[in-house]
Amino acid sequence: MQKIKQDKNGNIGKNIRAIRLAKGIGQTELVRMLDLRGIAITRESLVKIERGVQHVYVQQLRGIKNELGTSYEELLK
């Protein structure tokens, strides 16, 4: 699987968190939504991704984008 490396500011993670919170979706709920789509991610991994300390896999980012109903542009800005 290909990983997407976040920059030192962890912008992808910050953007995921901001969009998730704006939509009123909890971390556990997002992880469950992804699990139903067959995307492997734990809540602990999501926390680390949102903090910018863990890389996000392309499949995870695609699933997060779809479940949050957002665009890659919003996630990567």
N, C-alpha and C. Protein backbone atom coordinates (compact mmCIF):
# COMPACT_ATOMS: atom_id res chain seq x y z
N MET A 1 0.83 -1.19 0.00
CA MET A 1 0.00 0.00 0.00
C MET A 1 0.86 1.24 0.00
N GLN A 2 0.42 2.23 -0.73
CA GLN A 2 1.15 3.48 -0.81
C GLN A 2 0.72 4.43 0.31
N LYS A 3 1.72 5.05 0.95
CA LYS A 3 1.45 6.00 2.02
C LYS A 3 1.56 7.42 1.48
N ILE A 4 0.81 8.32 2.08
CA ILE A 4 0.94 9.73 1.80
C ILE A 4 1.60 10.35 3.02
N LYS A 5 2.74 10.94 2.80
CA LYS A 5 3.49 11.53 3.91
C LYS A 5 2.97 12.95 4.16
N GLN A 6 2.63 13.22 5.40
CA GLN A 6 2.18 14.56 5.77
C GLN A 6 3.40 15.45 5.96
N ASP A 7 3.21 16.75 5.71
CA ASP A 7 4.32 17.65 5.99
C ASP A 7 4.45 17.85 7.50
N LYS A 8 5.44 18.61 7.91
CA LYS A 8 5.70 18.77 9.35
C LYS A 8 4.55 19.43 10.09
N ASN A 9 3.67 20.11 9.38
CA ASN A 9 2.52 20.76 10.01
C ASN A 9 1.32 19.83 10.13
N GLY A 10 1.38 18.67 9.48
CA GLY A 10 0.28 17.72 9.56
C GLY A 10 -1.03 18.25 8.99
N ASN A 11 -0.94 18.99 7.88
CA ASN A 11 -2.12 19.63 7.33
C ASN A 11 -3.23 18.66 6.94
N ILE A 12 -2.88 17.52 6.39
CA ILE A 12 -3.91 16.55 6.02
C ILE A 12 -4.70 16.14 7.25
N GLY A 13 -4.00 15.80 8.30
CA GLY A 13 -4.65 15.40 9.54
C GLY A 13 -5.52 16.50 10.13
N LYS A 14 -4.99 17.73 10.13
CA LYS A 14 -5.77 18.86 10.64
C LYS A 14 -7.03 19.07 9.83
N ASN A 15 -6.91 18.92 8.51
CA ASN A 15 -8.06 19.10 7.64
C ASN A 15 -9.09 17.99 7.86
N ILE A 16 -8.63 16.75 8.02
CA ILE A 16 -9.55 15.64 8.29
C ILE A 16 -10.32 15.93 9.57
N ARG A 17 -9.60 16.33 10.61
CA ARG A 17 -10.23 16.61 11.91
C ARG A 17 -11.25 17.74 11.78
N ALA A 18 -10.87 18.83 11.12
CA ALA A 18 -11.77 19.98 11.00
C ALA A 18 -13.05 19.61 10.24
N ILE A 19 -12.91 18.89 9.16
CA ILE A 19 -14.08 18.49 8.36
C ILE A 19 -14.95 17.52 9.15
N ARG A 20 -14.30 16.56 9.81
CA ARG A 20 -15.03 15.57 10.61
C ARG A 20 -15.84 16.26 11.70
N LEU A 21 -15.22 17.19 12.41
CA LEU A 21 -15.92 17.89 13.49
C LEU A 21 -17.04 18.78 12.95
N ALA A 22 -16.80 19.42 11.82
CA ALA A 22 -17.82 20.28 11.22
C ALA A 22 -19.07 19.48 10.84
N LYS A 23 -18.87 18.21 10.52
CA LYS A 23 -20.00 17.35 10.15
C LYS A 23 -20.58 16.60 11.34
N GLY A 24 -19.99 16.82 12.53
CA GLY A 24 -20.52 16.20 13.73
C GLY A 24 -20.28 14.70 13.81
N ILE A 25 -19.18 14.25 13.22
CA ILE A 25 -18.85 12.82 13.21
C ILE A 25 -17.71 12.59 14.19
N GLY A 26 -17.89 11.64 15.11
CA GLY A 26 -16.85 11.29 16.07
C GLY A 26 -15.81 10.38 15.43
N GLN A 27 -14.66 10.28 16.08
CA GLN A 27 -13.60 9.41 15.57
C GLN A 27 -14.04 7.96 15.49
N THR A 28 -14.69 7.48 16.55
CA THR A 28 -15.15 6.09 16.57
C THR A 28 -16.15 5.84 15.46
N GLU A 29 -17.04 6.79 15.24
CA GLU A 29 -18.04 6.65 14.18
C GLU A 29 -17.39 6.59 12.81
N LEU A 30 -16.41 7.46 12.56
CA LEU A 30 -15.72 7.45 11.27
C LEU A 30 -14.99 6.13 11.05
N VAL A 31 -14.34 5.63 12.10
CA VAL A 31 -13.63 4.35 11.99
C VAL A 31 -14.62 3.23 11.66
N ARG A 32 -15.79 3.24 12.28
CA ARG A 32 -16.81 2.22 11.98
C ARG A 32 -17.30 2.34 10.54
N MET A 33 -17.50 3.56 10.08
CA MET A 33 -17.95 3.78 8.70
C MET A 33 -16.92 3.23 7.71
N LEU A 34 -15.64 3.46 8.00
CA LEU A 34 -14.58 2.97 7.14
C LEU A 34 -14.50 1.45 7.19
N ASP A 35 -14.67 0.89 8.38
CA ASP A 35 -14.63 -0.56 8.56
C ASP A 35 -15.73 -1.23 7.73
N LEU A 36 -16.90 -0.62 7.67
CA LEU A 36 -18.00 -1.18 6.87
C LEU A 36 -17.66 -1.21 5.39
N ARG A 37 -16.77 -0.33 4.96
CA ARG A 37 -16.32 -0.30 3.56
C ARG A 37 -15.10 -1.19 3.35
N GLY A 38 -14.66 -1.88 4.40
CA GLY A 38 -13.52 -2.77 4.28
C GLY A 38 -12.17 -2.07 4.34
N ILE A 39 -12.16 -0.86 4.90
CA ILE A 39 -10.92 -0.10 5.01
C ILE A 39 -10.38 -0.25 6.42
N ALA A 40 -9.21 -0.84 6.52
CA ALA A 40 -8.62 -1.13 7.82
C ALA A 40 -8.00 0.13 8.43
N ILE A 41 -8.54 0.54 9.58
CA ILE A 41 -8.00 1.66 10.34
C ILE A 41 -8.53 1.53 11.76
N THR A 42 -7.69 1.85 12.71
CA THR A 42 -8.12 1.83 14.11
C THR A 42 -8.33 3.27 14.56
N ARG A 43 -9.02 3.43 15.67
CA ARG A 43 -9.23 4.77 16.22
C ARG A 43 -7.88 5.38 16.58
N GLU A 44 -6.97 4.56 17.12
CA GLU A 44 -5.65 5.03 17.50
C GLU A 44 -4.90 5.56 16.28
N SER A 45 -5.04 4.86 15.16
CA SER A 45 -4.40 5.32 13.92
C SER A 45 -5.00 6.64 13.45
N LEU A 46 -6.33 6.75 13.53
CA LEU A 46 -6.98 7.99 13.12
C LEU A 46 -6.52 9.16 13.99
N VAL A 47 -6.38 8.92 15.28
CA VAL A 47 -5.88 9.97 16.19
C VAL A 47 -4.49 10.42 15.74
N LYS A 48 -3.62 9.48 15.44
CA LYS A 48 -2.25 9.80 15.03
C LYS A 48 -2.23 10.52 13.68
N ILE A 49 -3.10 10.10 12.76
CA ILE A 49 -3.19 10.77 11.46
C ILE A 49 -3.64 12.22 11.66
N GLU A 50 -4.67 12.41 12.49
CA GLU A 50 -5.17 13.76 12.73
C GLU A 50 -4.13 14.64 13.42
N ARG A 51 -3.27 14.06 14.21
CA ARG A 51 -2.19 14.83 14.88
C ARG A 51 -1.02 15.09 13.95
N GLY A 52 -0.97 14.38 12.83
CA GLY A 52 0.11 14.55 11.88
C GLY A 52 1.35 13.75 12.20
N VAL A 53 1.21 12.73 13.06
CA VAL A 53 2.37 11.93 13.44
C VAL A 53 2.40 10.57 12.75
N GLN A 54 1.39 10.27 11.96
CA GLN A 54 1.35 8.99 11.24
C GLN A 54 0.95 9.27 9.80
N HIS A 55 1.58 8.54 8.88
CA HIS A 55 1.22 8.65 7.48
C HIS A 55 -0.16 8.06 7.26
N VAL A 56 -0.83 8.54 6.24
CA VAL A 56 -2.13 8.00 5.88
C VAL A 56 -1.97 7.22 4.57
N TYR A 57 -2.57 6.06 4.51
CA TYR A 57 -2.52 5.27 3.28
C TYR A 57 -3.52 5.83 2.28
N VAL A 58 -3.20 5.66 1.01
CA VAL A 58 -4.06 6.17 -0.05
C VAL A 58 -5.48 5.62 0.10
N GLN A 59 -5.62 4.33 0.38
CA GLN A 59 -6.95 3.72 0.54
C GLN A 59 -7.69 4.36 1.71
N GLN A 60 -6.99 4.65 2.79
CA GLN A 60 -7.63 5.29 3.95
C GLN A 60 -8.08 6.71 3.59
N LEU A 61 -7.23 7.46 2.91
CA LEU A 61 -7.58 8.82 2.53
C LEU A 61 -8.78 8.83 1.60
N ARG A 62 -8.81 7.90 0.66
CA ARG A 62 -9.95 7.80 -0.27
C ARG A 62 -11.24 7.51 0.52
N GLY A 63 -11.17 6.58 1.46
CA GLY A 63 -12.33 6.24 2.26
C GLY A 63 -12.79 7.40 3.13
N ILE A 64 -11.83 8.09 3.74
CA ILE A 64 -12.16 9.25 4.58
C ILE A 64 -12.83 10.32 3.72
N LYS A 65 -12.29 10.57 2.55
CA LYS A 65 -12.88 11.55 1.63
C LYS A 65 -14.32 11.19 1.32
N ASN A 66 -14.55 9.94 0.99
CA ASN A 66 -15.90 9.50 0.63
C ASN A 66 -16.86 9.58 1.81
N GLU A 67 -16.43 9.12 2.97
CA GLU A 67 -17.31 9.10 4.14
C GLU A 67 -17.60 10.51 4.66
N LEU A 68 -16.66 11.42 4.52
CA LEU A 68 -16.89 12.79 4.97
C LEU A 68 -17.57 13.63 3.89
N GLY A 69 -17.72 13.06 2.69
CA GLY A 69 -18.38 13.79 1.61
C GLY A 69 -17.63 15.05 1.22
N THR A 70 -16.32 14.94 1.13
CA THR A 70 -15.50 16.10 0.81
C THR A 70 -14.65 15.81 -0.42
N SER A 71 -13.73 16.68 -0.73
CA SER A 71 -12.88 16.52 -1.90
C SER A 71 -11.42 16.38 -1.46
N TYR A 72 -10.60 15.88 -2.38
CA TYR A 72 -9.17 15.81 -2.10
C TYR A 72 -8.61 17.22 -1.89
N GLU A 73 -9.12 18.18 -2.64
CA GLU A 73 -8.65 19.56 -2.51
C GLU A 73 -8.82 20.06 -1.08
N GLU A 74 -9.98 19.76 -0.48
CA GLU A 74 -10.23 20.19 0.90
C GLU A 74 -9.32 19.47 1.88
N LEU A 75 -9.06 18.20 1.62
CA LEU A 75 -8.21 17.42 2.54
C LEU A 75 -6.74 17.81 2.44
N LEU A 76 -6.31 18.21 1.24
CA LEU A 76 -4.88 18.45 1.02
C LEU A 76 -4.48 19.91 1.10
N LYS A 77 -5.42 20.81 1.30
CA LYS A 77 -5.05 22.25 1.29
C LYS A 77 -4.25 22.64 2.52
